[in-house]
């Protein structure tokens, strides 16, 4: 049997990074490049996207300590 790798669930971060809610698209996940299946940007390491993201050089940074290059 082969394993199936899926991304993290997409979590929307609002309220200055203090409010968390699941994406309104059921089953929405984040791919390794930082794109959620709903089309929004999100951290590929934790799945959070919204007020917690910022540009960082040629990529993005997550306020939870993750960084990745733009896809």
Protein backbone atom coordinates (compact mmCIF):
# COMPACT_ATOMS: atom_id res chain seq x y z
CA UNK A 1 0.00 0.00 0.00
CA UNK A 2 1.34 3.46 -0.84
CA UNK A 3 0.96 6.50 1.41
CA UNK A 4 -0.93 9.55 0.22
CA UNK A 5 0.61 12.89 1.20
CA UNK A 6 -1.87 15.70 1.72
CA UNK A 7 -1.30 19.30 2.75
CA UNK A 8 -2.25 21.01 5.98
CA UNK A 9 -5.83 22.18 6.41
CA UNK A 10 -6.21 25.86 5.46
CA UNK A 11 -6.90 28.04 8.51
CA UNK A 12 -7.86 31.71 8.01
CA UNK A 13 -6.13 34.15 10.39
CA UNK A 14 -7.81 37.51 10.98
CA UNK A 15 -8.09 40.17 13.68
CA UNK A 16 -4.41 41.08 13.62
CA UNK A 17 -3.46 37.41 13.88
CA UNK A 18 -5.67 36.67 16.87
CA UNK A 19 -8.72 35.02 15.30
CA UNK A 20 -8.60 31.59 13.65
CA UNK A 21 -11.29 29.87 11.61
CA UNK A 22 -11.31 27.05 9.09
CA UNK A 23 -11.50 27.98 5.42
CA UNK A 24 -15.10 28.18 4.20
CA UNK A 25 -14.22 25.76 1.37
CA UNK A 26 -14.72 22.24 2.80
CA UNK A 27 -11.57 20.13 2.61
CA UNK A 28 -9.33 23.08 1.64
CA UNK A 29 -5.65 22.22 2.02
CA UNK A 30 -2.36 24.04 1.41
CA UNK A 31 0.17 22.71 -1.11
CA UNK A 32 3.98 22.75 -0.54
CA UNK A 33 4.25 26.03 -2.52
CA UNK A 34 1.93 27.90 -0.15
CA UNK A 35 -1.23 27.95 -2.26
CA UNK A 36 -4.48 26.80 -0.66
CA UNK A 37 -6.89 24.84 -2.85
CA UNK A 38 -9.32 27.79 -2.53
CA UNK A 39 -6.72 29.95 -4.34
CA UNK A 40 -5.44 31.99 -1.39
CA UNK A 41 -1.91 32.20 -0.02
CA UNK A 42 -1.21 30.22 3.17
CA UNK A 43 1.79 28.83 5.03
CA UNK A 44 2.71 25.36 3.75
CA UNK A 45 4.11 24.42 7.19
CA UNK A 46 1.11 25.23 9.42
CA UNK A 47 -1.74 25.95 6.98
CA UNK A 48 -2.47 29.43 8.37
CA UNK A 49 -3.04 32.30 5.99
CA UNK A 50 -4.23 35.88 6.25
CA UNK A 51 -3.11 38.53 8.71
CA UNK A 52 -0.16 36.38 9.83
CA UNK A 53 1.69 36.49 6.46
CA UNK A 54 4.19 39.04 5.17
CA UNK A 55 6.60 39.43 2.28
CA UNK A 56 10.14 38.37 3.17
CA UNK A 57 12.77 38.87 0.47
CA UNK A 58 11.82 36.65 -2.47
CA UNK A 59 9.27 34.72 -0.46
CA UNK A 60 6.89 34.91 2.47
CA UNK A 61 7.06 34.58 6.24
CA UNK A 62 4.46 33.32 8.69
CA UNK A 63 4.20 34.93 12.14
CA UNK A 64 4.43 31.42 13.60
CA UNK A 65 8.09 31.12 12.57
CA UNK A 66 7.89 29.60 9.09
CA UNK A 67 9.25 30.98 5.81
CA UNK A 68 9.11 29.78 2.21
CA UNK A 69 9.99 30.94 -1.27
CA UNK A 70 7.34 32.18 -3.61
CA UNK A 71 6.02 29.40 -5.85
